[in-house]
Protein backbone atom coordinates (compact mmCIF):
# COMPACT_ATOMS: atom_id res chain seq x y z
CA UNK A 1 -106.60 -90.52 36.58
CA UNK A 2 -108.96 -90.90 39.83
CA UNK A 3 -110.42 -87.22 38.99
CA UNK A 4 -110.70 -88.25 35.26
CA UNK A 5 -112.00 -91.75 35.35
CA UNK A 6 -113.58 -92.65 38.94
CA UNK A 7 -114.84 -89.54 40.68
CA UNK A 8 -117.06 -88.85 37.23
CA UNK A 9 -118.81 -91.69 38.24
CA UNK A 10 -119.17 -91.29 42.09
CA UNK A 11 -120.60 -87.91 41.17
CA UNK A 12 -122.92 -88.68 38.35
CA UNK A 13 -126.63 -87.73 38.95
CA UNK A 14 -125.09 -86.97 42.41
CA UNK A 15 -128.31 -84.13 42.82
CA UNK A 16 -130.88 -86.53 41.74
CA UNK A 17 -129.81 -89.03 44.44
CA UNK A 18 -130.93 -86.49 47.58
CA UNK A 19 -132.59 -88.91 49.93
CA UNK A 20 -129.24 -91.31 49.95
CA UNK A 21 -128.17 -92.59 53.67
CA UNK A 22 -125.46 -91.41 55.95
CA UNK A 23 -123.97 -94.58 55.49
CA UNK A 24 -123.70 -94.54 51.70
CA UNK A 25 -122.39 -91.30 51.80
CA UNK A 26 -119.91 -92.24 54.47
CA UNK A 27 -119.15 -94.89 51.59
CA UNK A 28 -118.73 -92.29 48.46
CA UNK A 29 -116.37 -90.49 51.04
CA UNK A 30 -113.88 -93.24 51.86
CA UNK A 31 -113.86 -93.98 47.81
CA UNK A 32 -113.03 -90.48 47.24
CA UNK A 33 -110.33 -90.74 50.57
CA UNK A 34 -108.89 -94.02 48.43
CA UNK A 35 -108.61 -91.87 46.04
CA UNK A 36 -106.32 -89.07 47.71
CA UNK A 37 -104.41 -92.11 49.17
CA UNK A 38 -103.71 -93.54 45.80
CA UNK A 39 -102.49 -89.69 44.38
CA UNK A 40 -100.05 -89.40 47.01
CA UNK A 41 -99.03 -92.75 47.83
CA UNK A 42 -100.09 -92.87 51.80
CA UNK A 43 -100.64 -95.37 53.78
CA UNK A 44 -104.15 -96.76 54.44
CA UNK A 45 -104.70 -94.98 57.82
CA UNK A 46 -103.16 -91.84 57.17
CA UNK A 47 -104.91 -88.44 57.00
CA UNK A 48 -106.15 -87.63 54.20
CA UNK A 49 -107.73 -83.69 55.08
CA UNK A 50 -104.66 -82.20 54.11
CA UNK A 51 -104.66 -83.42 50.71
CA UNK A 52 -108.03 -83.11 50.15
CA UNK A 53 -107.58 -79.03 51.00
CA UNK A 54 -104.46 -79.02 48.65
CA UNK A 55 -106.96 -80.88 45.58
CA UNK A 56 -109.55 -78.32 46.37
CA UNK A 57 -111.79 -81.61 46.26
CA UNK A 58 -115.38 -81.68 47.84
CA UNK A 59 -116.75 -84.15 50.59
CA UNK A 60 -119.73 -86.35 48.18
CA UNK A 61 -122.12 -84.33 49.77
CA UNK A 62 -120.97 -80.58 49.66
CA UNK A 63 -120.31 -81.94 45.74
CA UNK A 64 -123.71 -82.93 45.49
CA UNK A 65 -124.74 -79.52 46.57
CA UNK A 66 -122.57 -77.49 44.65
CA UNK A 67 -124.26 -79.32 41.91
CA UNK A 68 -127.65 -78.60 43.08
CA UNK A 69 -126.75 -75.13 43.57
CA UNK A 70 -124.94 -75.07 39.54
CA UNK A 71 -128.34 -76.21 38.33
CA UNK A 72 -130.77 -74.01 40.47
CA UNK A 73 -129.00 -71.09 39.58
CA UNK A 74 -129.17 -71.84 35.58
CA UNK A 75 -132.61 -72.30 36.47
CA UNK A 76 -133.38 -69.12 37.75
CA UNK A 77 -131.36 -67.18 35.03
CA UNK A 78 -132.61 -68.86 32.15
CA UNK A 79 -136.39 -69.99 32.99
CA UNK A 80 -135.41 -73.46 32.15
CA UNK A 81 -136.41 -76.77 32.24
CA UNK A 82 -139.73 -75.00 32.28
CA UNK A 83 -140.19 -77.59 35.01
CA UNK A 84 -138.05 -77.28 37.45
CA UNK A 85 -138.78 -73.00 37.12
CA UNK A 86 -142.52 -73.57 37.72
CA UNK A 87 -142.08 -75.15 40.99
CA UNK A 88 -139.81 -72.07 42.17
CA UNK A 89 -141.22 -68.44 43.26
CA UNK A 90 -139.00 -66.07 44.69
CA UNK A 91 -139.86 -64.16 48.35
CA UNK A 92 -142.73 -61.16 47.13
CA UNK A 93 -140.96 -57.84 47.72
CA UNK A 94 -143.47 -56.71 50.31
CA UNK A 95 -141.75 -59.49 52.58
CA UNK A 96 -138.44 -58.23 51.71
CA UNK A 97 -138.91 -54.85 52.62
CA UNK A 98 -139.85 -55.79 56.28
CA UNK A 99 -137.23 -57.88 56.11
CA UNK A 100 -134.84 -55.63 54.85
CA UNK A 101 -133.73 -59.02 52.50
CA UNK A 102 -132.15 -59.14 49.50
CA UNK A 103 -134.38 -59.67 46.62
CA UNK A 104 -132.36 -63.79 45.69
CA UNK A 105 -134.66 -65.55 48.68
CA UNK A 106 -136.92 -68.29 47.51
CA UNK A 107 -139.87 -69.24 48.81
CA UNK A 108 -139.90 -72.67 50.96
CA UNK A 109 -142.63 -74.49 49.18
CA UNK A 110 -145.44 -76.11 51.41
CA UNK A 111 -145.21 -80.00 51.68
CA UNK A 112 -146.34 -82.68 54.20
CA UNK A 113 -144.64 -85.56 53.27
CA UNK A 114 -141.28 -86.76 54.04
CA UNK A 115 -141.08 -88.15 50.19
CA UNK A 116 -141.59 -84.37 48.78
CA UNK A 117 -138.94 -83.39 51.76
CA UNK A 118 -136.20 -85.09 49.69
CA UNK A 119 -137.39 -83.25 46.64
CA UNK A 120 -134.78 -81.46 44.84
CA UNK A 121 -136.90 -78.13 45.04
CA UNK A 122 -137.39 -78.75 49.04
CA UNK A 123 -133.73 -79.25 49.32
CA UNK A 124 -132.53 -76.67 46.63
CA UNK A 125 -134.28 -73.98 47.82
CA UNK A 126 -133.25 -75.03 51.47
CA UNK A 127 -129.33 -74.44 50.25
CA UNK A 128 -129.72 -71.85 47.89
CA UNK A 129 -131.22 -69.87 50.64
CA UNK A 130 -128.32 -70.16 53.26
CA UNK A 131 -126.32 -68.86 50.61
CA UNK A 132 -124.50 -65.62 51.61
CA UNK A 133 -126.13 -63.18 49.81
CA UNK A 134 -122.84 -62.53 47.40
CA UNK A 135 -123.09 -65.60 46.12
CA UNK A 136 -126.88 -65.44 45.34
CA UNK A 137 -126.64 -62.32 43.52
CA UNK A 138 -123.84 -63.07 41.28
CA UNK A 139 -123.85 -61.72 37.63
CA UNK A 140 -122.38 -64.50 35.93
CA UNK A 141 -122.72 -68.40 35.92
CA UNK A 142 -118.37 -68.84 36.13
CA UNK A 143 -118.44 -66.08 38.70
CA UNK A 144 -121.18 -67.81 40.57
CA UNK A 145 -119.02 -71.40 40.40
CA UNK A 146 -115.67 -69.45 41.70
CA UNK A 147 -117.45 -67.91 44.81
CA UNK A 148 -119.92 -71.23 45.69
CA UNK A 149 -116.45 -73.46 45.39
CA UNK A 150 -114.95 -70.97 47.08
CA UNK A 151 -117.54 -70.86 50.36
CA UNK A 152 -118.10 -75.18 50.40
CA UNK A 153 -114.21 -74.96 50.97
CA UNK A 154 -114.25 -72.82 53.57
CA UNK A 155 -117.29 -74.84 54.84
CA UNK A 156 -115.57 -78.13 54.36
CA UNK A 157 -112.31 -76.93 56.17
CA UNK A 158 -113.40 -74.30 58.42
CA UNK A 159 -116.56 -74.27 59.19
CA UNK A 160 -116.03 -71.59 61.83
CA UNK A 161 -115.31 -69.52 59.24
CA UNK A 162 -118.04 -70.06 56.86
CA UNK A 163 -121.64 -67.65 58.34
């Protein structure tokens, strides 16, 4: 019930709200923790991390990044919507040769305001470039989602292993 009725309300348009405060993010995580307690019949102060791991639920911040990266993957592969695709640029090949990098990095757009710092373009490029190469170079959307979810779960439950 929680996954069908409550979590979609929490995650609805989460990728559009990049300027949420830490306090609001913590409140949304507490709602998710209450769902986990409900599902497993836990008491108010029982620790929920092992159960979150079993359910494979991401925290609010990581699930927002997951949705942003899935949207970005589709934008890069399908060139649509056009207004988002036009804001993104790949790193030129001569720069990649100098840095011996892969061809799936994006240029970080120049910006001078905090308002633009919280935009989809800046945030998505930042987290896209931080992903491992094997995830960015996925050939299909389903493979990308699978690898991304595994990576984010590993980041959430084993932060020392994620790099």
